[in-house]
Structures are given as C-alpha cells and as structure tokens.
Amino acid sequence: MKSFYITTTLPYVNAEPHIGFAMELIHADVIARAKKLQGDEVFFNTGTDEHGAKVYNKAIEANRDPQQYTDEYASKFKELIELLGIDQGSVHFIRTTEERHKRAAQEIWKLCEKAGDIYKKNYTIKYCIGCELEKTDSELINGRCVIHPDKELEIREEENYFFRFSKYQEPLLKFYKGHPDFVIPDFRFNEIIKFAERRLEDFSVSRLKAKMPWGVEVPGDPEHVMYVWFDALTSYISTIGWPDDMEEFEKWWPVVQFAGKDQVRQQAGMWQAMLMSAGLFPSKQIVIHGFINYKGEKMSKSIGNVIAPKEVVDRFGLDALRYFVTREINQFEDTDISWEKFLEAYNANLANGLGNLVSRIMQLAQTHLDKPVEIAEWEDMSDFFAILDKFEINKAADYIWAKIGKLDALIQEKKPWESKDEEVIADLVVRLYSIARMLNPFMPDTSAKIKSLVKANKKPESPLFPRKD
C-alpha cells in the first residue's frame, strides 16, 4: 500500500472561516478520497495558524487572552471538518500552539542556524500586516499592498534574526528545473521561477518579544519570537511526527500542498529553502488555487460581503456546496460568485440534472425490474483517476457531468418507458452506478444515496435535490 500525504494551508484564526478556505479544504478532500479509492493509505492534514501579529492584535482588540482567543477560533475551523463532509478517517488537525509543534519549530530553527543560515541584523522594511510579509516597492500600488489595499503598511526598524534566503537561489532554480510539475498550474510555477531568478533577499524570521509577544520563542534568545511564517510552515512536518518520530515522518514525507495564489512565494520558495537548510527533502508538489470574489469584489469582513460555508450548506445542502466549489468555481483562476449564480447552478445541474436523472432511471427500474441489478461489472475509472492524479478537480467534475449528459441522451434515444426493455433499463442502472462511484470523492453523501437506491431497486422517496426558487 502506497502512502500519500496532502495538506491544506493553516488559516489564521483572526476571523470566521469563509468559503475560500472551505474550497481549499474540499479540494484537498476530493484528492484524499480519490487516493483512498485507488488503495493508498492517506494522511490529510489541516489545522490553524495561531501566532503572529494579526492574531495577537485581534485578541487584544477583543480584550481576550491570546490563547483563549485562539482556542475559540480554532474550534470554529475544526468544526469545518464535519460541516464540509471531510473524510474523518484520514484527516488530522494541528494547531501551531500545540507543544509538539513548538518543539518542531524550534528544532528546525536550530538546524537552519547550524547550517549558517540564521543571523541577526538591524533593518528597516515596509511590512503588510495582512500578509505578514515585508513588501518591496515593486509589489505595491499607490503605496499599498495589492492584496490588502485597506491596510496601512507598517515601517519597521528593529534588530531581528534573518534567514539566508539568498544562499538558496541556485539550489531552488536547479530543483525547479528538475521538477517541471512541482507547482500547478504552470503559470504559477512561472511566477516563482521568475521570482527566484531575481536576486533573492534574506527575510526576517523573528520579532522582538517586547513588541509582539505572541509566538514561539527563539531557541537561545528569549527576547525574540519566531516570525509567523517560519513557525507555521513547520506544521507540515510536525504533524507527521518530525523530529520525534522519524519512522512516521519518513512514511509520509514528502507532501502535496494546497494553497492560495497569495502564498506562492512562501510555499514554493521560502519553505523549500528552509527544508533544504534543515537537510530535509523538498515538498512533492504544490497546487495553487485562485480567489473567490463576491459580485466583483474580494470578500472582506469590513465590506460585509463574506459568504460563510454554513450559509451555503443551510440554503442548498452539503453536497451542493461541494459541487459548487469543485465544478462551478474555477480552480486556478479567480471566480466571481453570487447567491444568484449558486441558485442557477443548483437548479440546472443538480435539481434538473443529476437529481432528475436518478429519479427517472430508478422509477423505470422499480417499475419494470423484478429485482435489483447485479453490479458485477462497471465502467473502468482509470481515465477519471488520471485526471485527479494531475489535481485537475474542475476537469474531473466536468468528466462526471459529461457522463450524466450522455446518460440522459441515451434515455431519450432508447425511450425505455415505451419499450419497457429490461436489458436497456438494467444497462441504464449500471451506468448510473458508475456515475455514483465517480461522485464519491466529490459528493460522498449523494454517491452513497444513489448506490443505496440501486441496491434496493427503488426510486428516491423525495428528489435528491429539490428545486429551489
């Protein structure tokens, strides 16, 4: 049995979960479920990033102790696992405030320091608190971060520890050249290659505890805490046992990482250099998704246009949400959504599409077949799995809906309600069962319901997806 390890990013616990992270979590779950169907043993990691200035400032604003604040918000993100139908048989949830993680963060610091890659110096930078990253002038528009234009940049002048990122320019470029599918999609890979081809700048990996006390203490220097990215990225290895359980670590490493387009530099550049510095193998692959916008605007709590995943589940159902984010939202580009678009897609492709197809076929089967169809053989799924092995989630969902369309056309062609041909009806049921199998990673509840109906030779008592107004 092969081992497969996949992780989402760890979102900051400074706000309620929104549909953007729900999409990332569901996408990773689709891949994890598909790998399990192919016989792999799967470790699926997610969790929460709980240190850093953004979290600390939110806790202070709320007049809360930072640990109590993060405990509350971490629980909200952990609740997503059940809310979104994530496979609880393979998922693991790590918090960066856990002691095992703190030990790992300090250990990777020591290894990087031993390699000569951590040093202290005075510096002045322009810092975006939203990104938790320093910004160069070329990354700004009108003096503001393009991702967080509503936030003033901080000018920071202090003595910090730095990571010798510049040392890893050639090793990174050599690695990228030898692994042409390391970052998916290609245009995101080109971004990090071009970034690395420019002179890499060493980056800060600590903050003075006197200014920002909420973080992992720097080994040997209690006046500093680790820069949040250095701490959080280590979660990808601490969650699988590093450095305490190397057997477990070596079983799972390297990892496939899912992340948003604003994290290409951190995930594909900084983190890989840190791994090299610590003497560890780089990640296996990194899959980068786009942003979800609401009616043309980036979702923002201050604007009030954030869509919470629970809202979608409450209005349309769990599997409808999973359908939306895997087929209707562009995986690699930004996508504009609205409640109107949700409603249109639901009625067209779930109520009138899949749901209606299941009712028609199983009505025919219940009426004209004496017993359930024996599902001895079904369509080979190798082409379907080949798409998912490339992490092309939209394409795999379209593959399923193409099958649904062909099956609907076949019903119109054969007219089994007129012929009452049992062989034709049985063939339709077998084809429907094959669709149900492919739906398993995408819409597991719906997949199970269809399989149950086929095995019972019954039509659904009520539509799988009742039409909505």
Protein backbone atom coordinates (compact mmCIF):
# COMPACT_ATOMS: atom_id res chain seq x y z
CA MET A 1 0.00 0.00 0.00
CA LYS A 2 1.39 3.40 -1.02
CA SER A 3 1.44 6.31 1.39
CA PHE A 4 0.01 9.65 0.28
CA TYR A 5 0.26 12.87 2.29
CA ILE A 6 -1.71 16.02 1.44
CA THR A 7 -2.13 19.27 3.36
CA THR A 8 -4.07 22.48 3.15
CA THR A 9 -2.59 25.71 4.38
CA LEU A 10 -3.28 26.60 8.00
CA PRO A 11 -5.55 29.67 8.05
CA TYR A 12 -5.08 32.46 10.56
CA VAL A 13 -7.59 32.37 13.40
CA ASN A 14 -8.32 36.09 13.23
CA ALA A 15 -11.74 35.77 11.56
CA GLU A 16 -14.57 33.33 10.91
CA PRO A 17 -13.98 30.63 8.24
CA HIS A 18 -15.13 31.74 4.78
CA ILE A 19 -15.93 29.92 1.56
CA GLY A 20 -12.44 30.47 0.13
CA PHE A 21 -10.84 28.20 2.70
CA ALA A 22 -13.80 25.83 2.53
CA MET A 23 -12.99 25.42 -1.18
CA GLU A 24 -9.35 24.59 -0.40
CA LEU A 25 -10.37 22.08 2.25
CA ILE A 26 -12.90 20.38 -0.04
CA HIS A 27 -10.46 20.28 -2.96
CA ALA A 28 -7.88 18.55 -0.79
CA ASP A 29 -10.57 16.16 0.47
CA VAL A 30 -11.50 15.23 -3.10
CA ILE A 31 -7.91 14.22 -3.79
CA ALA A 32 -7.59 12.40 -0.46
CA ARG A 33 -10.77 10.40 -1.11
CA ALA A 34 -9.70 9.57 -4.67
CA LYS A 35 -6.34 8.28 -3.42
CA LYS A 36 -8.09 6.09 -0.85
CA LEU A 37 -10.34 4.68 -3.58
CA GLN A 38 -7.18 3.76 -5.50
CA GLY A 39 -5.90 1.85 -2.49
CA ASP A 40 -3.46 4.38 -1.00
CA GLU A 41 -3.06 4.99 2.71
CA VAL A 42 -3.77 8.70 3.18
CA PHE A 43 -2.70 11.32 5.72
CA PHE A 44 -4.74 14.52 5.21
CA ASN A 45 -3.51 17.49 7.22
CA THR A 46 -5.25 20.74 8.06
CA GLY A 47 -5.36 22.96 11.12
CA THR A 48 -4.89 26.52 12.32
CA ASP A 49 -2.08 29.08 12.30
CA GLU A 50 -2.42 30.78 15.67
CA HIS A 51 0.62 33.03 16.19
CA GLY A 52 1.61 36.35 14.68
CA ALA A 53 0.66 40.00 14.82
CA LYS A 54 -2.76 39.65 13.12
CA VAL A 55 -3.98 37.15 15.68
CA TYR A 56 -2.41 38.95 18.63
CA ASN A 57 -3.93 42.31 17.64
CA LYS A 58 -7.39 40.77 17.22
CA ALA A 59 -7.14 39.17 20.65
CA ILE A 60 -6.11 42.48 22.25
CA GLU A 61 -8.93 44.32 20.45
CA ALA A 62 -11.38 41.80 21.89
CA ASN A 63 -9.81 42.20 25.34
CA ARG A 64 -9.02 38.48 25.35
CA ASP A 65 -6.05 36.39 26.36
CA PRO A 66 -4.42 35.26 23.05
CA GLN A 67 -4.56 31.58 23.99
CA GLN A 68 -8.24 31.76 24.93
CA TYR A 69 -8.93 33.70 21.74
CA THR A 70 -7.17 31.13 19.56
CA ASP A 71 -8.85 28.24 21.39
CA GLU A 72 -12.24 29.68 20.47
CA TYR A 73 -11.44 30.33 16.82
CA ALA A 74 -9.54 27.08 16.31
CA SER A 75 -12.70 25.22 17.33
CA LYS A 76 -14.64 27.07 14.61
CA PHE A 77 -12.19 25.87 11.97
CA LYS A 78 -12.18 22.35 13.37
CA GLU A 79 -15.97 22.30 13.04
CA LEU A 80 -15.50 22.71 9.27
CA ILE A 81 -14.35 19.10 9.05
CA GLU A 82 -17.83 17.81 9.88
CA LEU A 83 -19.70 20.70 8.24
CA LEU A 84 -17.96 20.15 4.88
CA GLY A 85 -18.16 16.36 4.91
CA ILE A 86 -14.39 15.91 5.12
CA ASP A 87 -13.32 12.26 5.37
CA GLN A 88 -12.70 11.88 9.08
CA GLY A 89 -10.90 8.58 8.53
CA SER A 90 -7.82 10.30 7.10
CA VAL A 91 -7.91 13.92 8.29
CA HIS A 92 -5.66 15.26 11.06
CA PHE A 93 -5.94 18.71 12.65
CA ILE A 94 -2.88 20.52 14.01
CA ARG A 95 -2.69 23.79 15.92
CA THR A 96 0.52 25.80 15.97
CA THR A 97 0.06 26.43 19.69
CA GLU A 98 0.49 22.71 20.42
CA GLU A 99 3.66 21.81 22.33
CA ARG A 100 4.72 19.17 19.81
CA HIS A 101 4.59 21.79 17.07
CA LYS A 102 6.50 24.38 19.09
CA ARG A 103 9.28 21.84 19.69
CA ALA A 104 9.46 21.10 15.96
CA ALA A 105 9.61 24.81 15.07
CA GLN A 106 12.48 25.31 17.50
CA GLU A 107 14.28 22.24 16.15
CA ILE A 108 14.11 23.38 12.52
CA TRP A 109 15.38 26.78 13.69
CA LYS A 110 18.38 25.09 15.32
CA LEU A 111 19.16 23.10 12.16
CA CYS A 112 18.95 26.19 9.95
CA GLU A 113 21.12 28.08 12.42
CA LYS A 114 23.64 25.22 12.48
CA ALA A 115 23.77 25.40 8.67
CA GLY A 116 24.80 29.06 8.97
CA ASP A 117 21.50 30.31 7.55
CA ILE A 118 20.18 32.33 10.51
CA TYR A 119 21.84 35.56 11.61
CA LYS A 120 20.91 38.80 13.38
CA LYS A 121 20.93 42.31 11.90
CA ASN A 122 19.23 45.71 12.07
CA TYR A 123 16.79 46.52 9.32
CA THR A 124 14.04 48.84 8.07
CA ILE A 125 11.20 47.48 5.97
CA LYS A 126 7.70 48.16 4.72
CA TYR A 127 5.54 45.44 6.27
CA CYS A 128 1.99 44.32 5.38
CA ILE A 129 0.25 43.09 8.50
CA GLY A 130 -2.39 41.38 6.34
CA CYS A 131 0.15 39.20 4.51
CA GLU A 132 2.55 39.03 7.46
CA LEU A 133 5.26 39.78 4.89
CA GLU A 134 7.66 42.57 4.06
CA LYS A 135 6.96 44.30 0.75
CA THR A 136 9.23 45.81 -1.87
CA ASP A 137 8.17 48.92 -3.82
CA SER A 138 7.60 46.78 -6.93
CA GLU A 139 4.92 44.83 -5.02
CA LEU A 140 2.94 47.95 -4.09
CA ILE A 141 0.32 50.01 -5.92
CA ASN A 142 -0.12 53.56 -4.67
CA GLY A 143 1.99 52.63 -1.69
CA ARG A 144 -0.38 49.82 -0.64
CA CYS A 145 -0.28 46.03 -0.75
CA VAL A 146 -2.36 44.84 -3.73
CA ILE A 147 -3.94 42.06 -1.64
CA HIS A 148 -4.71 44.25 1.40
CA PRO A 149 -5.18 47.77 -0.01
CA ASP A 150 -7.31 48.72 3.01
CA LYS A 151 -4.37 48.32 5.41
CA GLU A 152 -1.61 50.87 6.06
CA LEU A 153 1.88 49.46 5.65
CA GLU A 154 4.00 49.41 8.79
CA ILE A 155 7.52 50.81 8.71
CA ARG A 156 9.59 48.57 10.94
CA GLU A 157 13.01 49.40 12.31
CA GLU A 158 14.49 46.87 14.70
CA GLU A 159 17.07 44.16 15.20
CA ASN A 160 15.80 40.77 14.03
CA TYR A 161 17.04 37.37 13.03
CA PHE A 162 17.16 36.70 9.29
CA PHE A 163 17.12 33.58 7.15
CA ARG A 164 19.78 33.44 4.43
CA PHE A 165 17.32 33.04 1.56
CA SER A 166 19.85 34.47 -0.90
CA LYS A 167 22.02 31.37 -0.43
CA TYR A 168 19.32 29.17 -1.96
CA GLN A 169 18.79 30.92 -5.29
CA GLU A 170 20.75 28.40 -7.35
CA PRO A 171 19.62 25.31 -5.37
CA LEU A 172 15.99 26.35 -5.82
CA LEU A 173 16.36 27.05 -9.53
CA LYS A 174 18.10 23.72 -10.02
CA PHE A 175 15.30 21.97 -8.13
CA TYR A 176 12.60 23.73 -10.17
CA LYS A 177 14.32 22.73 -13.42
CA GLY A 178 14.49 19.10 -12.34
CA HIS A 179 10.85 19.01 -11.25
CA PRO A 180 8.82 20.65 -14.05
CA ASP A 181 5.46 19.83 -12.46
CA PHE A 182 6.42 20.99 -8.94
CA VAL A 183 3.89 23.85 -8.91
CA ILE A 184 0.46 23.52 -10.53
CA PRO A 185 -0.72 25.34 -12.64
CA ASP A 186 2.19 26.21 -14.94
CA PHE A 187 1.66 29.98 -14.79
CA ARG A 188 2.02 29.94 -11.01
CA PHE A 189 5.21 27.91 -11.37
CA ASN A 190 6.50 30.56 -13.76
CA GLU A 191 5.82 33.17 -11.06
CA ILE A 192 8.12 31.53 -8.52
CA ILE A 193 10.78 30.76 -11.13
CA LYS A 194 10.89 34.42 -12.19
CA PHE A 195 10.92 35.47 -8.53
CA ALA A 196 13.87 33.17 -7.82
CA GLU A 197 15.74 34.32 -10.93
CA ARG A 198 15.86 37.80 -9.43
CA ARG A 199 18.24 38.24 -6.52
CA LEU A 200 16.59 36.60 -3.52
CA GLU A 201 16.53 38.77 -0.42
CA ASP A 202 17.12 37.31 3.03
CA PHE A 203 13.93 37.53 5.09
CA SER A 204 13.22 38.23 8.73
CA VAL A 205 12.41 35.19 10.86
CA SER A 206 11.85 36.81 14.26
CA ARG A 207 10.24 39.71 16.07
CA LEU A 208 11.15 41.32 19.35
CA LYS A 209 9.03 39.82 22.10
CA ALA A 210 8.71 43.28 23.65
CA LYS A 211 6.78 44.40 20.54
CA MET A 212 4.90 41.20 19.70
CA PRO A 213 4.99 38.54 22.43
CA TRP A 214 2.61 36.04 20.82
CA GLY A 215 4.81 33.45 19.14
CA VAL A 216 7.23 30.55 19.51
CA GLU A 217 10.31 31.59 21.48
CA VAL A 218 13.57 31.65 19.55
CA PRO A 219 15.95 28.96 20.87
CA GLY A 220 18.65 30.57 22.99
CA ASP A 221 17.21 34.08 22.78
CA PRO A 222 14.08 34.66 24.89
CA GLU A 223 13.89 38.29 23.72
CA HIS A 224 12.68 37.13 20.29
CA VAL A 225 9.77 35.07 18.99
CA MET A 226 9.66 33.42 15.59
CA TYR A 227 8.24 35.16 12.57
CA VAL A 228 4.84 33.60 11.94
CA TRP A 229 5.64 32.02 8.56
CA PHE A 230 8.75 30.28 9.86
CA ASP A 231 6.66 28.83 12.68
CA ALA A 232 3.56 27.90 10.66
CA LEU A 233 5.24 26.24 7.70
CA THR A 234 6.92 23.79 10.08
CA SER A 235 3.44 22.39 10.83
CA TYR A 236 3.66 20.39 7.59
CA ILE A 237 6.36 18.22 9.19
CA SER A 238 5.45 18.46 12.89
CA THR A 239 2.02 16.97 12.14
CA ILE A 240 3.61 13.75 10.82
CA GLY A 241 5.93 13.28 13.78
CA TRP A 242 9.07 15.25 12.93
CA PRO A 243 11.50 15.29 14.70
CA ASP A 244 10.29 12.95 17.48
CA ASP A 245 9.05 10.07 15.33
CA MET A 246 11.24 9.82 12.25
CA GLU A 247 9.72 6.50 11.19
CA GLU A 248 6.31 8.12 10.94
CA PHE A 249 7.77 11.18 9.23
CA GLU A 250 9.59 9.12 6.61
CA LYS A 251 6.46 7.08 5.96
CA TRP A 252 4.55 10.16 4.80
CA TRP A 253 7.04 12.76 3.57
CA PRO A 254 7.13 14.45 1.03
CA VAL A 255 3.81 16.28 0.88
CA VAL A 256 1.36 17.63 -1.70
CA GLN A 257 0.41 21.15 -0.58
CA PHE A 258 -2.77 23.05 -1.47
CA ALA A 259 -2.56 26.83 -1.13
CA GLY A 260 -3.95 30.11 -2.46
CA LYS A 261 -2.33 32.30 -5.10
CA ASP A 262 -1.13 34.80 -2.47
CA GLN A 263 1.17 32.16 -1.00
CA VAL A 264 3.28 31.08 -3.96
CA ARG A 265 6.41 32.77 -2.60
CA GLN A 266 6.03 31.35 0.90
CA GLN A 267 5.07 27.80 -0.09
CA ALA A 268 7.21 27.24 -3.19
CA GLY A 269 10.18 29.44 -2.26
CA MET A 270 10.71 30.22 1.41
CA TRP A 271 9.51 26.87 2.74
CA GLN A 272 11.55 24.87 0.24
CA ALA A 273 14.70 26.82 1.16
CA MET A 274 14.01 26.18 4.86
CA LEU A 275 13.70 22.44 4.16
CA MET A 276 16.96 22.45 2.21
CA SER A 277 18.69 24.32 5.02
CA ALA A 278 17.46 21.76 7.57
CA GLY A 279 18.66 18.87 5.41
CA LEU A 280 15.15 17.69 4.51
CA PHE A 281 13.70 16.78 1.13
CA PRO A 282 11.56 19.47 -0.53
CA SER A 283 7.80 19.07 -0.87
CA LYS A 284 6.41 16.79 -3.57
CA GLN A 285 4.05 19.22 -5.32
CA ILE A 286 2.21 22.46 -4.65
CA VAL A 287 -1.27 23.13 -6.08
CA ILE A 288 -2.27 26.79 -6.18
CA HIS A 289 -5.89 27.95 -6.41
CA GLY A 290 -7.38 31.35 -7.22
CA PHE A 291 -9.52 33.65 -5.10
CA ILE A 292 -13.30 33.75 -4.77
CA ASN A 293 -14.79 37.21 -5.24
CA TYR A 294 -18.34 38.28 -4.46
CA LYS A 295 -20.06 40.36 -7.13
CA GLY A 296 -16.76 41.68 -8.43
CA GLU A 297 -15.18 42.46 -5.05
CA LYS A 298 -12.70 40.49 -2.95
CA MET A 299 -14.58 39.07 0.01
CA SER A 300 -13.92 41.20 3.07
CA LYS A 301 -15.36 41.24 6.56
CA SER A 302 -15.19 45.04 6.63
CA ILE A 303 -17.23 45.30 3.42
CA GLY A 304 -19.69 42.71 4.69
CA ASN A 305 -19.66 40.50 1.59
CA VAL A 306 -18.16 37.36 3.13
CA ILE A 307 -20.05 34.14 2.44
CA ALA A 308 -19.69 31.62 5.25
CA PRO A 309 -19.76 27.95 4.20
CA LYS A 310 -22.52 27.22 6.73
CA GLU A 311 -24.78 29.73 4.94
CA VAL A 312 -24.41 27.77 1.71
CA VAL A 313 -24.99 24.43 3.44
CA ASP A 314 -28.09 25.79 5.18
CA ARG A 315 -29.57 27.10 1.93
CA PHE A 316 -28.55 24.41 -0.55
CA GLY A 317 -27.15 21.40 1.34
CA LEU A 318 -23.70 19.96 1.93
CA ASP A 319 -23.21 18.16 -1.37
CA ALA A 320 -24.46 21.20 -3.26
CA LEU A 321 -21.69 23.25 -1.64
CA ARG A 322 -19.15 20.56 -2.56
CA TYR A 323 -20.49 20.63 -6.13
CA PHE A 324 -20.24 24.43 -6.34
CA VAL A 325 -16.62 24.66 -5.23
CA THR A 326 -15.41 21.74 -7.32
CA ARG A 327 -17.16 22.45 -10.61
CA GLU A 328 -18.66 25.95 -10.74
CA ILE A 329 -15.66 27.77 -9.25
CA ASN A 330 -12.54 27.94 -11.42
CA GLN A 331 -9.84 26.02 -9.60
CA PHE A 332 -6.84 28.01 -10.81
CA GLU A 333 -8.24 31.45 -11.67
CA ASP A 334 -10.27 33.95 -9.65
CA THR A 335 -14.02 33.36 -9.74
CA ASP A 336 -16.85 35.80 -9.14
CA ILE A 337 -19.80 34.35 -7.24
CA SER A 338 -23.21 35.48 -6.05
CA TRP A 339 -26.25 33.86 -4.49
CA GLU A 340 -27.96 34.15 -7.88
CA LYS A 341 -25.20 32.09 -9.51
CA PHE A 342 -25.46 29.48 -6.79
CA LEU A 343 -29.22 29.17 -7.34
CA GLU A 344 -28.91 28.94 -11.12
CA ALA A 345 -26.22 26.22 -10.94
CA TYR A 346 -28.15 24.27 -8.30
CA ASN A 347 -31.39 24.13 -10.29
CA ALA A 348 -29.75 23.48 -13.67
CA ASN A 349 -27.16 20.87 -12.75
CA LEU A 350 -28.38 19.28 -9.52
CA ALA A 351 -32.18 19.55 -9.37
CA ASN A 352 -32.91 19.34 -13.13
CA GLY A 353 -29.70 17.46 -13.95
CA LEU A 354 -28.37 14.78 -11.63
CA GLY A 355 -31.40 14.60 -9.33
CA ASN A 356 -33.88 14.26 -12.17
CA LEU A 357 -31.73 11.63 -13.88
CA VAL A 358 -31.63 9.46 -10.75
CA SER A 359 -35.40 9.69 -10.32
CA ARG A 360 -36.13 8.78 -13.96
CA ILE A 361 -33.82 5.76 -14.08
CA MET A 362 -34.79 4.36 -10.69
CA GLN A 363 -38.51 4.86 -11.45
CA LEU A 364 -38.02 2.73 -14.56
CA ALA A 365 -36.05 0.13 -12.58
CA GLN A 366 -38.61 -0.09 -9.77
CA THR A 367 -41.49 -0.39 -12.24
CA HIS A 368 -40.02 -2.85 -14.76
CA LEU A 369 -37.33 -4.90 -13.00
CA ASP A 370 -38.24 -7.74 -10.64
CA LYS A 371 -35.04 -7.44 -8.59
CA PRO A 372 -32.03 -5.16 -8.17
CA VAL A 373 -29.46 -5.13 -10.94
CA GLU A 374 -26.35 -7.12 -10.07
CA ILE A 375 -23.45 -4.71 -10.40
CA ALA A 376 -20.87 -7.28 -11.46
CA GLU A 377 -19.07 -5.00 -13.88
CA TRP A 378 -18.84 -1.27 -14.26
CA GLU A 379 -17.00 1.30 -16.26
CA ASP A 380 -13.25 1.47 -15.83
CA MET A 381 -12.33 4.58 -13.81
CA SER A 382 -8.66 4.83 -14.80
CA ASP A 383 -9.24 7.87 -17.05
CA PHE A 384 -11.13 9.60 -14.24
CA PHE A 385 -8.42 8.89 -11.69
CA ALA A 386 -5.75 10.02 -14.17
CA ILE A 387 -7.35 13.47 -14.21
CA LEU A 388 -7.39 13.66 -10.41
CA ASP A 389 -3.80 12.42 -10.25
CA LYS A 390 -2.96 15.69 -12.02
CA PHE A 391 -5.07 17.55 -9.40
CA GLU A 392 -7.42 18.85 -12.12
CA ILE A 393 -10.55 18.96 -9.99
CA ASN A 394 -12.70 21.07 -12.33
CA LYS A 395 -11.84 18.78 -15.23
CA ALA A 396 -12.71 15.66 -13.24
CA ALA A 397 -16.07 17.17 -12.22
CA ASP A 398 -16.77 18.05 -15.85
CA TYR A 399 -15.89 14.45 -16.78
CA ILE A 400 -18.66 13.24 -14.43
CA TRP A 401 -21.19 15.72 -15.78
CA ALA A 402 -20.35 14.72 -19.34
CA LYS A 403 -21.28 11.16 -18.32
CA ILE A 404 -24.51 12.46 -16.82
CA GLY A 405 -25.31 14.28 -20.09
CA LYS A 406 -24.59 11.19 -22.20
CA LEU A 407 -26.76 9.02 -19.97
CA ASP A 408 -29.61 11.50 -20.23
CA ALA A 409 -29.24 11.48 -24.04
CA LEU A 410 -29.22 7.68 -24.07
CA ILE A 411 -32.56 7.61 -22.23
CA GLN A 412 -34.05 9.93 -24.85
CA GLU A 413 -32.66 7.72 -27.62
CA LYS A 414 -33.79 4.35 -26.21
CA LYS A 415 -37.18 5.51 -24.84
CA PRO A 416 -37.35 2.69 -22.27
CA TRP A 417 -40.68 3.95 -20.90
CA GLU A 418 -42.16 2.86 -24.24
CA SER A 419 -40.15 -0.29 -24.95
CA LYS A 420 -40.03 -1.49 -21.32
CA ASP A 421 -36.88 -3.33 -22.40
CA GLU A 422 -35.39 -4.80 -19.22
CA GLU A 423 -31.87 -5.06 -20.69
CA VAL A 424 -31.89 -1.40 -21.63
CA ILE A 425 -33.16 -0.39 -18.20
CA ALA A 426 -30.59 -2.59 -16.44
CA ASP A 427 -27.84 -1.02 -18.56
CA LEU A 428 -29.03 2.45 -17.54
CA VAL A 429 -28.85 1.41 -13.87
CA VAL A 430 -25.31 0.08 -14.27
CA ARG A 431 -24.24 3.33 -15.91
CA LEU A 432 -25.88 5.31 -13.11
CA TYR A 433 -24.00 3.23 -10.55
CA SER A 434 -20.73 4.04 -12.33
CA ILE A 435 -21.55 7.74 -12.05
CA ALA A 436 -22.25 7.26 -8.35
CA ARG A 437 -18.79 5.72 -7.90
CA MET A 438 -17.15 8.70 -9.58
CA LEU A 439 -19.18 11.07 -7.42
CA ASN A 440 -17.71 9.53 -4.26
CA PRO A 441 -14.78 11.98 -3.85
CA PHE A 442 -16.90 14.97 -4.84
CA MET A 443 -20.33 14.37 -3.31
CA PRO A 444 -19.98 11.41 -0.95
CA ASP A 445 -23.48 11.59 0.55
CA THR A 446 -25.11 11.72 -2.88
CA SER A 447 -22.89 8.89 -4.08
CA ALA A 448 -23.98 6.72 -1.16
CA LYS A 449 -27.67 7.54 -1.69
CA ILE A 450 -27.57 6.58 -5.38
CA LYS A 451 -25.76 3.31 -4.62
CA SER A 452 -28.34 2.51 -1.94
CA LEU A 453 -31.22 3.15 -4.35
CA VAL A 454 -29.64 0.89 -6.98
CA LYS A 455 -29.09 -1.93 -4.49
CA ALA A 456 -32.69 -1.61 -3.26
CA ASN A 457 -34.09 -1.19 -6.79
CA LYS A 458 -36.15 1.77 -5.62
CA LYS A 459 -36.75 5.30 -6.77
CA PRO A 460 -35.99 8.06 -4.23
CA GLU A 461 -38.89 8.85 -1.93
CA SER A 462 -38.21 12.53 -2.50
CA PRO A 463 -35.94 14.31 -5.03
CA LEU A 464 -32.25 14.19 -4.17
CA PHE A 465 -32.10 17.91 -4.95
CA PRO A 466 -35.49 19.62 -4.59
CA ARG A 467 -35.80 22.57 -6.92
CA LYS A 468 -35.37 25.94 -5.20
CA ASP A 469 -36.81 29.36 -6.01
